[in-house]
Amino acid sequence: MTGGPKASRRVICAALAGAAGLSATLSTGAGALAGPADKLRDSLYRGRSAEISAPPIARFVSQDGRVFVLDRTQPAPMLKFEDSPEVWVLSPSPAPRGDVIYKNDLGEPVLRATRLGGVILFSRQRPAGEPVSLAGGGVPLRLGGLSPQALSERMLQASVRSGRAARRQVVFEAEATPASAALIADAAMVVSLAFVRLAGRDREALGQVDSVRFSEGRRPSASLAEGVLTIVVSPGHGLAGRPSSDRVAKAIRTGD
């Protein structure tokens, strides 16, 4: 990966099932019904949009004790749970009663900001949502630089974890450039999280994947065809330039 931005490094990693596993978190659900109190609130706050009353980078804690950092200093808001290495890229969209819903790359709600200043977290455990409270400041969610050796090690680790989840060999390969190395390493970790998640719910689907191939493109995507799981990353978008583990899991189950 030396010799300027056009230089590339081909990384191929294969590992048999039998190394340490990972845990993965977060799926989403939704739902709230309007009532008299909502109608009164609408009349009081009509024309105003909801905002999260917190610093641009802040830690929150849910009623169940889950802690996450929300980073709104970038074009796309980023969320990371304290107990998971994955960073979730969110897209805000308007909701009824002037609220704002922050969705993942599958269009599923993750957070809801109300016009009264509340923040609600949606999860697999709490599909109807649960309120969260501000717990302090946080650190920016950014990608750092990565050496060729570090990229190879990250790819190998992800291959090992995925192989253990699938109980078979899973080859990871990539054409990396200096611009995409860190993003590909992060995407490889995300893929391994998707494998671990599916191992507990739909192990048969993992039998369709023989290898994982990473490439650069204009838009991030995940697709499966003829045993090859193709992950496209877009370095210019930072962490928003790779698919989430939920999208990867969906691609493994459905092909796209």
Protein backbone atom coordinates (compact mmCIF):
# COMPACT_ATOMS: atom_id res chain seq x y z
CA MET A 1 0.00 0.00 0.00
CA THR A 2 2.90 2.35 -0.68
CA GLY A 3 3.57 4.45 -3.68
CA GLY A 4 0.72 6.96 -3.62
CA PRO A 5 -3.07 6.88 -3.56
CA LYS A 6 -3.32 4.67 -6.65
CA ALA A 7 -1.27 1.87 -5.12
CA SER A 8 -3.26 -1.22 -4.17
CA ARG A 9 -2.68 -4.24 -2.01
CA ARG A 10 -4.42 -7.56 -2.53
CA VAL A 11 -5.29 -9.18 0.76
CA ILE A 12 -6.57 -12.75 0.96
CA CYS A 13 -7.33 -14.39 4.28
CA ALA A 14 -8.77 -17.81 4.96
CA ALA A 15 -9.37 -19.50 8.28
CA LEU A 16 -11.06 -22.67 9.45
CA ALA A 17 -13.80 -22.62 12.07
CA GLY A 18 -12.33 -22.73 15.54
CA ALA A 19 -11.25 -19.29 16.83
CA ALA A 20 -12.82 -16.83 19.23
CA GLY A 21 -16.32 -15.52 18.42
CA LEU A 22 -17.97 -12.17 18.72
CA SER A 23 -21.30 -10.91 19.94
CA ALA A 24 -23.52 -8.58 17.94
CA THR A 25 -26.30 -6.28 18.91
CA LEU A 26 -29.08 -4.19 17.56
CA SER A 27 -32.01 -4.73 15.39
CA THR A 28 -34.98 -2.46 15.23
CA GLY A 29 -38.69 -2.09 15.49
CA ALA A 30 -41.17 0.78 15.76
CA GLY A 31 -44.49 1.98 16.93
CA ALA A 32 -46.50 4.58 18.82
CA LEU A 33 -50.14 5.54 18.55
CA ALA A 34 -51.49 9.06 18.75
CA GLY A 35 -53.96 10.01 21.47
CA PRO A 36 -55.55 13.15 22.96
CA ALA A 37 -52.29 14.22 24.56
CA ASP A 38 -50.54 13.96 21.17
CA LYS A 39 -53.21 16.13 19.54
CA LEU A 40 -52.81 18.77 22.26
CA ARG A 41 -49.05 18.70 21.81
CA ASP A 42 -49.48 19.07 18.03
CA SER A 43 -51.54 22.22 18.54
CA LEU A 44 -48.87 23.69 20.82
CA TYR A 45 -45.83 22.76 18.70
CA ARG A 46 -47.19 22.91 15.14
CA GLY A 47 -44.55 23.98 12.65
CA ARG A 48 -41.58 23.03 14.83
CA SER A 49 -39.19 20.15 14.17
CA ALA A 50 -37.83 17.93 16.91
CA GLU A 51 -34.21 18.28 17.95
CA ILE A 52 -32.02 16.23 20.27
CA SER A 53 -31.24 18.45 23.25
CA ALA A 54 -27.69 17.24 23.80
CA PRO A 55 -24.13 18.13 22.76
CA PRO A 56 -23.18 17.15 19.17
CA ILE A 57 -21.26 14.19 20.65
CA ALA A 58 -22.94 12.67 23.69
CA ARG A 59 -23.39 9.47 25.67
CA PHE A 60 -26.87 8.20 26.46
CA VAL A 61 -28.15 5.42 28.71
CA SER A 62 -31.42 3.53 28.30
CA GLN A 63 -33.76 2.30 31.02
CA ASP A 64 -32.26 -1.17 30.53
CA GLY A 65 -28.77 0.21 31.11
CA ARG A 66 -27.53 0.12 27.51
CA VAL A 67 -25.02 2.89 26.86
CA PHE A 68 -24.32 4.40 23.46
CA VAL A 69 -22.53 7.37 21.91
CA LEU A 70 -24.32 9.53 19.35
CA ASP A 71 -22.06 11.61 17.10
CA ARG A 72 -23.90 14.31 15.14
CA THR A 73 -20.84 16.26 14.02
CA GLN A 74 -20.77 14.55 10.62
CA PRO A 75 -23.13 14.71 7.62
CA ALA A 76 -24.63 11.37 8.71
CA PRO A 77 -25.27 10.85 12.44
CA MET A 78 -23.31 7.93 13.92
CA LEU A 79 -24.27 5.69 16.84
CA LYS A 80 -22.13 3.16 18.69
CA PHE A 81 -23.16 0.95 21.60
CA GLU A 82 -20.64 0.53 24.39
CA ASP A 83 -20.86 -3.27 24.19
CA SER A 84 -20.30 -3.60 20.41
CA PRO A 85 -17.52 -2.56 18.00
CA GLU A 86 -19.95 -1.64 15.20
CA VAL A 87 -20.77 1.97 14.37
CA TRP A 88 -24.28 2.47 12.99
CA VAL A 89 -24.84 5.15 10.36
CA LEU A 90 -28.22 6.84 10.69
CA SER A 91 -30.46 8.85 8.37
CA PRO A 92 -32.92 11.35 9.89
CA SER A 93 -36.42 11.57 8.45
CA PRO A 94 -39.57 13.45 9.53
CA ALA A 95 -42.19 11.58 11.55
CA PRO A 96 -45.77 12.31 12.66
CA ARG A 97 -46.35 15.11 15.20
CA GLY A 98 -43.12 16.80 14.13
CA ASP A 99 -40.82 14.15 15.56
CA VAL A 100 -37.65 12.96 13.79
CA ILE A 101 -36.79 9.29 13.32
CA TYR A 102 -33.19 8.19 12.77
CA LYS A 103 -33.09 5.03 10.65
CA ASN A 104 -30.41 2.49 9.73
CA ASP A 105 -29.45 1.57 6.15
CA LEU A 106 -32.39 -0.85 5.94
CA GLY A 107 -34.82 1.97 6.71
CA GLU A 108 -35.57 0.63 10.21
CA PRO A 109 -35.95 3.07 13.14
CA VAL A 110 -33.15 3.21 15.67
CA LEU A 111 -33.82 6.51 17.47
CA ARG A 112 -36.74 8.92 17.70
CA ALA A 113 -36.42 12.55 18.78
CA THR A 114 -39.64 14.12 20.03
CA ARG A 115 -40.60 17.79 19.94
CA LEU A 116 -40.66 17.81 23.74
CA GLY A 117 -36.95 16.98 23.79
CA GLY A 118 -37.19 13.27 24.48
CA VAL A 119 -35.08 10.57 22.81
CA ILE A 120 -36.39 7.03 22.32
CA LEU A 121 -34.26 4.00 21.46
CA PHE A 122 -35.70 1.09 19.45
CA SER A 123 -34.14 -2.36 19.78
CA ARG A 124 -34.92 -6.02 19.26
CA GLN A 125 -35.59 -6.31 22.98
CA ARG A 126 -37.75 -3.17 23.06
CA PRO A 127 -39.45 -2.86 19.63
CA ALA A 128 -41.94 -0.31 20.98
CA GLY A 129 -39.02 1.83 22.15
CA GLU A 130 -37.65 2.98 25.48
CA PRO A 131 -36.61 6.47 26.63
CA VAL A 132 -32.94 7.26 27.09
CA SER A 133 -31.25 9.94 29.18
CA LEU A 134 -28.12 12.00 28.64
CA ALA A 135 -25.12 10.47 30.44
CA GLY A 136 -22.29 12.83 29.49
CA GLY A 137 -19.92 13.55 26.65
CA GLY A 138 -18.43 11.17 24.12
CA VAL A 139 -15.59 10.80 21.64
CA PRO A 140 -15.91 11.27 17.86
CA LEU A 141 -16.67 8.15 15.84
CA ARG A 142 -14.03 8.24 13.11
CA LEU A 143 -11.87 5.95 11.03
CA GLY A 144 -8.13 6.17 11.57
CA GLY A 145 -5.31 5.25 9.24
CA LEU A 146 -4.29 1.62 8.79
CA SER A 147 -1.06 -0.02 7.68
CA PRO A 148 -0.97 -2.93 5.19
CA GLN A 149 0.10 -5.29 7.98
CA ALA A 150 -2.75 -4.14 10.23
CA LEU A 151 -5.25 -4.60 7.40
CA SER A 152 -4.04 -8.16 6.82
CA GLU A 153 -4.40 -8.93 10.53
CA ARG A 154 -7.94 -7.48 10.68
CA MET A 155 -8.97 -9.45 7.60
CA LEU A 156 -7.59 -12.64 9.09
CA GLN A 157 -9.38 -12.06 12.40
CA ALA A 158 -12.68 -11.47 10.59
CA SER A 159 -12.15 -14.57 8.46
CA VAL A 160 -11.51 -16.68 11.57
CA ARG A 161 -14.60 -15.38 13.36
CA SER A 162 -16.79 -15.89 10.32
CA GLY A 163 -15.37 -19.39 9.77
CA ARG A 164 -16.14 -20.37 13.31
CA ALA A 165 -19.71 -19.06 13.02
CA ALA A 166 -20.26 -20.89 9.73
CA ARG A 167 -18.37 -24.02 10.86
CA ARG A 168 -16.54 -24.03 7.55
CA GLN A 169 -13.75 -22.17 5.80
CA VAL A 170 -14.61 -18.63 4.68
CA VAL A 171 -12.05 -16.81 2.51
CA PHE A 172 -11.78 -13.03 2.80
CA GLU A 173 -10.11 -11.12 -0.03
CA ALA A 174 -9.80 -7.47 -1.00
CA GLU A 175 -8.11 -5.03 -3.36
CA ALA A 176 -7.24 -2.25 -0.91
CA THR A 177 -5.82 1.21 -1.52
CA PRO A 178 -4.56 3.68 1.11
CA ALA A 179 -7.95 5.41 0.89
CA SER A 180 -9.97 2.25 1.47
CA ALA A 181 -7.79 0.16 3.82
CA ALA A 182 -9.32 1.33 7.11
CA LEU A 183 -12.86 1.17 5.73
CA ILE A 184 -12.35 -2.36 4.36
CA ALA A 185 -10.97 -3.46 7.74
CA ASP A 186 -14.06 -2.05 9.46
CA ALA A 187 -16.33 -3.66 6.86
CA ALA A 188 -14.63 -7.03 7.45
CA MET A 189 -15.38 -6.72 11.16
CA VAL A 190 -19.00 -5.86 10.37
CA VAL A 191 -19.31 -8.92 8.12
CA SER A 192 -18.02 -11.14 10.93
CA LEU A 193 -20.69 -9.68 13.25
CA ALA A 194 -23.35 -10.57 10.69
CA PHE A 195 -22.00 -14.15 10.54
CA VAL A 196 -22.08 -14.47 14.33
CA ARG A 197 -25.63 -13.12 14.47
CA LEU A 198 -26.87 -15.50 11.77
CA ALA A 199 -25.15 -18.45 13.43
CA GLY A 200 -27.64 -18.18 16.26
CA ARG A 201 -30.71 -17.73 14.07
CA ASP A 202 -30.21 -19.03 10.55
CA ARG A 203 -27.03 -21.10 10.31
CA GLU A 204 -28.20 -22.74 7.09
CA ALA A 205 -27.93 -19.39 5.31
CA LEU A 206 -24.22 -19.24 6.14
CA GLY A 207 -23.68 -22.43 4.17
CA GLN A 208 -24.24 -20.41 0.99
CA VAL A 209 -21.11 -18.28 1.54
CA ASP A 210 -17.74 -19.62 0.39
CA SER A 211 -15.86 -16.33 0.27
CA VAL A 212 -16.19 -12.62 1.00
CA ARG A 213 -14.83 -10.15 -1.53
CA PHE A 214 -14.33 -6.43 -0.83
CA SER A 215 -14.11 -3.82 -3.57
CA GLU A 216 -14.42 -0.07 -3.99
CA GLY A 217 -17.40 1.58 -5.65
CA ARG A 218 -19.56 4.68 -5.72
CA ARG A 219 -22.13 3.38 -3.24
CA PRO A 220 -21.85 0.86 -0.40
CA SER A 221 -23.67 -2.42 -0.94
CA ALA A 222 -23.79 -6.12 -0.06
CA SER A 223 -24.85 -8.95 -2.37
CA LEU A 224 -24.48 -12.72 -2.61
CA ALA A 225 -24.13 -14.68 -5.84
CA GLU A 226 -22.62 -18.10 -6.59
CA GLY A 227 -21.15 -18.42 -3.11
CA VAL A 228 -19.40 -15.03 -3.16
CA LEU A 229 -20.52 -12.34 -0.74
CA THR A 230 -19.52 -9.06 -2.38
CA ILE A 231 -19.10 -6.01 -0.16
CA VAL A 232 -18.71 -2.67 -1.93
CA VAL A 233 -17.25 0.21 0.07
CA SER A 234 -17.13 3.90 -0.81
CA PRO A 235 -14.10 5.50 0.93
CA GLY A 236 -15.24 9.06 0.28
CA HIS A 237 -18.15 8.60 2.68
CA GLY A 238 -16.16 7.49 5.72
CA LEU A 239 -18.00 5.03 7.95
CA ALA A 240 -21.14 5.72 5.94
CA GLY A 241 -19.33 4.13 3.00
CA ARG A 242 -19.88 0.50 4.05
CA PRO A 243 -23.02 -1.56 4.71
CA SER A 244 -24.16 -2.36 8.25
CA SER A 245 -24.17 -5.85 9.72
CA ASP A 246 -27.97 -5.90 9.32
CA ARG A 247 -27.66 -5.24 5.59
CA VAL A 248 -24.95 -7.88 5.26
CA ALA A 249 -27.12 -10.40 7.11
CA LYS A 250 -30.02 -9.61 4.80
CA ALA A 251 -27.79 -10.12 1.73
CA ILE A 252 -26.72 -13.53 3.03
CA ARG A 253 -30.33 -14.56 3.60
CA THR A 254 -31.88 -13.12 0.43
CA GLY A 255 -29.00 -12.40 -1.97
CA ASP A 256 -29.33 -8.59 -1.76
